[in-house]
Amino acid sequence: MIRYDCGPGNTLVDRFIQKRTKNKLSMDIDGTYGFKGKLDKHTLEKLYNRAIIKKDQSFFNIAPPKSLDVGDITLIKELDDLSLEDGCATLEAFTAYTIVDSLKFFTSTYPKRWILAGGGWQNPVIKNDLVKLLHEKFGYDIIIEIIEQAGFNGKATEAQLFAYLAVRHIKKLPTSYPQTTGVTIPIVGGDYYIAHGKI
């Protein structure tokens, strides 16, 4: 089993849009701004080195198991010098790049089938960047599909995941393992609440 957080997902580009538009927009809908912008390679390098610091080093250099919280992820000052469009393009490329870069921790075979789940794939800039990078790394002999194409209900997946974790919690079964998040022993995560308070 291999599982670890590999990067910021939509967190940074969403925060960047919110900051630049004074919260008039919450995200780069349909990649509107990213499509118009250009990747800034200097800022991309700085993002890799400084956007997520854990254990006094770049998160991307820490071997799994490892996990992220949104509080670990920061907008770096170099983004202030970019236009809204270039900032979005750079952050969206960064999201895709960190996913592919995280494969350096695989010690044997690489995934041949990629199923993209979550709201981020509604952003075609991120999706296009990821597909391009995967093809550059592996050629065209891999399958890349959105979760619905794989036969799952993408809108229900997150709710189903949390329901599954809730049931495991109620049954006192572990939800986190040393090989997934780095905890020292398997643990039951979360808290259980009913109408009259915490159990």
Protein backbone atom coordinates (compact mmCIF):
# COMPACT_ATOMS: atom_id res chain seq x y z
CA MET A 1 0.00 0.00 0.00
CA ILE A 2 1.34 3.42 -0.95
CA ARG A 3 -0.44 6.56 0.19
CA TYR A 4 0.77 10.09 0.84
CA ASP A 5 -0.16 13.69 0.15
CA CYS A 6 1.81 14.88 -2.85
CA GLY A 7 1.12 18.61 -3.01
CA PRO A 8 -1.19 21.57 -2.59
CA GLY A 9 -4.03 20.53 -4.89
CA ASN A 10 -6.20 23.61 -5.45
CA THR A 11 -5.32 25.27 -2.15
CA LEU A 12 -2.74 27.74 -3.43
CA VAL A 13 -4.48 28.80 -6.64
CA ASP A 14 -7.76 29.24 -4.74
CA ARG A 15 -6.06 31.40 -2.10
CA PHE A 16 -4.29 33.40 -4.78
CA ILE A 17 -7.56 34.14 -6.63
CA GLN A 18 -9.31 35.06 -3.38
CA LYS A 19 -6.49 37.41 -2.38
CA ARG A 20 -6.23 39.13 -5.77
CA THR A 21 -9.99 39.57 -6.24
CA LYS A 22 -10.63 40.51 -2.59
CA ASN A 23 -12.81 37.40 -2.28
CA LYS A 24 -15.01 38.26 -5.24
CA LEU A 25 -13.90 34.95 -6.73
CA SER A 26 -13.12 31.77 -4.80
CA MET A 27 -11.38 29.83 -7.59
CA ASP A 28 -10.15 30.00 -11.18
CA ILE A 29 -13.41 28.77 -12.68
CA ASP A 30 -12.79 26.63 -15.78
CA GLY A 31 -9.16 27.82 -15.76
CA THR A 32 -10.27 31.19 -17.13
CA TYR A 33 -7.22 33.09 -15.88
CA GLY A 34 -4.71 30.26 -16.07
CA PHE A 35 -5.40 29.76 -19.78
CA LYS A 36 -4.51 33.41 -20.41
CA GLY A 37 -1.33 33.36 -18.33
CA LYS A 38 2.21 32.08 -18.72
CA LEU A 39 4.18 29.84 -16.41
CA ASP A 40 6.88 31.69 -14.48
CA LYS A 41 9.67 29.12 -14.01
CA HIS A 42 11.51 31.18 -11.40
CA THR A 43 8.42 31.33 -9.20
CA LEU A 44 7.71 27.63 -9.82
CA GLU A 45 11.15 26.79 -8.41
CA LYS A 46 10.58 29.02 -5.37
CA LEU A 47 7.20 27.39 -4.77
CA TYR A 48 8.84 23.98 -4.75
CA ASN A 49 11.42 25.10 -2.22
CA ARG A 50 9.30 27.28 0.07
CA ALA A 51 5.53 26.91 -0.32
CA ILE A 52 5.32 23.91 2.02
CA ILE A 53 7.89 23.57 4.78
CA LYS A 54 7.74 20.67 7.22
CA LYS A 55 10.50 19.46 9.51
CA ASP A 56 12.56 22.50 8.42
CA GLN A 57 12.71 21.41 4.79
CA SER A 58 10.66 21.41 1.62
CA PHE A 59 7.80 18.95 1.98
CA PHE A 60 8.58 17.62 -1.50
CA ASN A 61 11.94 16.26 -0.38
CA ILE A 62 10.52 14.32 2.57
CA ALA A 63 10.03 10.63 1.87
CA PRO A 64 6.63 9.05 2.61
CA PRO A 65 4.76 8.33 4.74
CA LYS A 66 3.77 11.98 5.07
CA SER A 67 0.63 14.10 5.16
CA LEU A 68 -0.42 17.71 4.75
CA ASP A 69 -2.85 20.08 6.37
CA VAL A 70 -4.04 23.22 4.57
CA GLY A 71 -2.32 25.20 7.33
CA ASP A 72 1.03 23.87 6.08
CA ILE A 73 0.62 25.50 2.65
CA THR A 74 1.57 29.15 2.06
CA LEU A 75 1.53 31.68 -0.76
CA ILE A 76 5.08 32.91 -1.32
CA LYS A 77 5.94 36.58 -1.86
CA GLU A 78 7.20 36.05 -5.43
CA LEU A 79 3.57 35.58 -6.50
CA ASP A 80 2.94 39.24 -5.68
CA ASP A 81 5.04 40.20 -8.70
CA LEU A 82 2.96 38.16 -11.14
CA SER A 83 -0.22 39.16 -12.91
CA LEU A 84 -3.42 37.39 -11.94
CA GLU A 85 -3.20 35.33 -15.13
CA ASP A 86 0.48 34.38 -14.76
CA GLY A 87 0.01 33.60 -11.08
CA CYS A 88 -2.85 31.22 -11.85
CA ALA A 89 -0.95 29.56 -14.70
CA THR A 90 2.10 29.08 -12.47
CA LEU A 91 0.15 27.72 -9.48
CA GLU A 92 -1.89 25.39 -11.68
CA ALA A 93 1.30 24.07 -13.30
CA PHE A 94 2.76 23.67 -9.80
CA THR A 95 -0.18 21.51 -8.72
CA ALA A 96 0.31 19.19 -11.70
CA TYR A 97 4.09 19.16 -11.34
CA THR A 98 4.03 18.14 -7.67
CA ILE A 99 1.79 15.16 -8.45
CA VAL A 100 4.19 13.82 -11.07
CA ASP A 101 7.27 14.74 -9.01
CA SER A 102 5.91 12.68 -6.11
CA LEU A 103 6.39 9.54 -8.19
CA LYS A 104 10.10 9.68 -7.35
CA PHE A 105 9.18 7.88 -4.14
CA PHE A 106 7.84 4.82 -5.95
CA THR A 107 10.41 2.07 -5.67
CA SER A 108 9.05 -0.40 -8.20
CA THR A 109 6.39 0.00 -10.88
CA TYR A 110 4.52 3.20 -11.68
CA PRO A 111 0.74 3.43 -11.99
CA LYS A 112 -0.51 2.49 -15.44
CA ARG A 113 -4.02 3.77 -14.76
CA TRP A 114 -4.78 7.20 -13.35
CA ILE A 115 -8.26 8.03 -12.03
CA LEU A 116 -8.67 11.75 -11.36
CA ALA A 117 -11.16 12.48 -8.59
CA GLY A 118 -12.23 15.70 -6.91
CA GLY A 119 -13.21 19.20 -7.89
CA GLY A 120 -9.74 20.16 -9.12
CA TRP A 121 -10.26 18.32 -12.36
CA GLN A 122 -12.98 20.80 -13.24
CA ASN A 123 -10.02 23.11 -13.91
CA PRO A 124 -8.82 22.17 -17.41
CA VAL A 125 -5.48 23.96 -16.97
CA ILE A 126 -4.46 21.65 -14.12
CA LYS A 127 -5.77 18.61 -15.98
CA ASN A 128 -4.01 19.52 -19.23
CA ASP A 129 -0.74 20.19 -17.40
CA LEU A 130 -0.95 16.87 -15.57
CA VAL A 131 -1.75 14.87 -18.71
CA LYS A 132 1.12 16.53 -20.57
CA LEU A 133 3.60 15.77 -17.77
CA LEU A 134 2.43 12.16 -17.43
CA HIS A 135 2.78 11.58 -21.16
CA GLU A 136 6.25 13.13 -21.11
CA LYS A 137 7.27 10.77 -18.30
CA PHE A 138 5.55 7.56 -19.37
CA GLY A 139 4.61 7.95 -23.01
CA TYR A 140 1.08 7.36 -24.20
CA ASP A 141 0.76 3.80 -22.91
CA ILE A 142 -1.15 4.82 -19.76
CA ILE A 143 -4.83 5.35 -19.02
CA ILE A 144 -5.87 8.75 -17.62
CA GLU A 145 -9.55 9.20 -16.88
CA ILE A 146 -11.90 11.31 -14.81
CA ILE A 147 -13.60 9.34 -12.03
CA GLU A 148 -16.95 9.22 -13.84
CA GLN A 149 -15.24 7.59 -16.84
CA ALA A 150 -14.05 4.86 -14.47
CA GLY A 151 -17.66 4.12 -13.47
CA PHE A 152 -17.83 5.98 -10.15
CA ASN A 153 -20.07 8.84 -9.04
CA GLY A 154 -17.56 11.65 -8.60
CA LYS A 155 -20.03 13.88 -6.75
CA ALA A 156 -20.66 11.20 -4.13
CA THR A 157 -17.11 9.90 -3.67
CA GLU A 158 -16.06 12.27 -0.89
CA ALA A 159 -19.29 11.73 1.05
CA GLN A 160 -18.86 7.96 0.67
CA LEU A 161 -15.26 8.20 1.86
CA PHE A 162 -16.20 10.09 5.02
CA ALA A 163 -19.11 7.73 5.69
CA TYR A 164 -16.67 4.81 5.42
CA LEU A 165 -14.26 6.49 7.86
CA ALA A 166 -17.14 7.24 10.24
CA VAL A 167 -18.19 3.59 10.29
CA ARG A 168 -14.60 2.53 10.97
CA HIS A 169 -14.50 5.02 13.85
CA ILE A 170 -17.73 3.68 15.35
CA LYS A 171 -16.33 0.14 15.09
CA LYS A 172 -13.05 1.35 16.63
CA LEU A 173 -11.08 0.32 13.55
CA PRO A 174 -7.97 2.26 12.51
CA THR A 175 -8.28 5.03 9.95
CA SER A 176 -4.60 5.99 9.87
CA TYR A 177 -1.57 3.72 9.61
CA PRO A 178 2.21 4.11 9.95
CA GLN A 179 2.67 3.48 6.22
CA THR A 180 0.11 6.12 5.22
CA THR A 181 0.57 9.14 7.50
CA GLY A 182 3.57 8.23 9.62
CA VAL A 183 1.72 7.69 12.91
CA THR A 184 3.64 5.37 15.23
CA ILE A 185 0.80 2.83 15.55
CA PRO A 186 -2.53 2.35 13.71
CA ILE A 187 -5.02 4.83 15.21
CA VAL A 188 -8.73 5.55 15.12
CA GLY A 189 -9.16 9.13 13.91
CA GLY A 190 -11.86 11.70 14.47
CA ASP A 191 -14.50 12.34 17.12
CA TYR A 192 -18.01 10.99 17.43
CA TYR A 193 -20.92 13.36 18.18
CA ILE A 194 -24.62 12.80 18.77
CA ALA A 195 -27.39 15.34 19.30
CA HIS A 196 -26.62 15.82 23.00
CA GLY A 197 -22.86 16.14 22.78
CA LYS A 198 -19.62 14.30 22.27
CA ILE A 199 -19.32 10.58 23.11
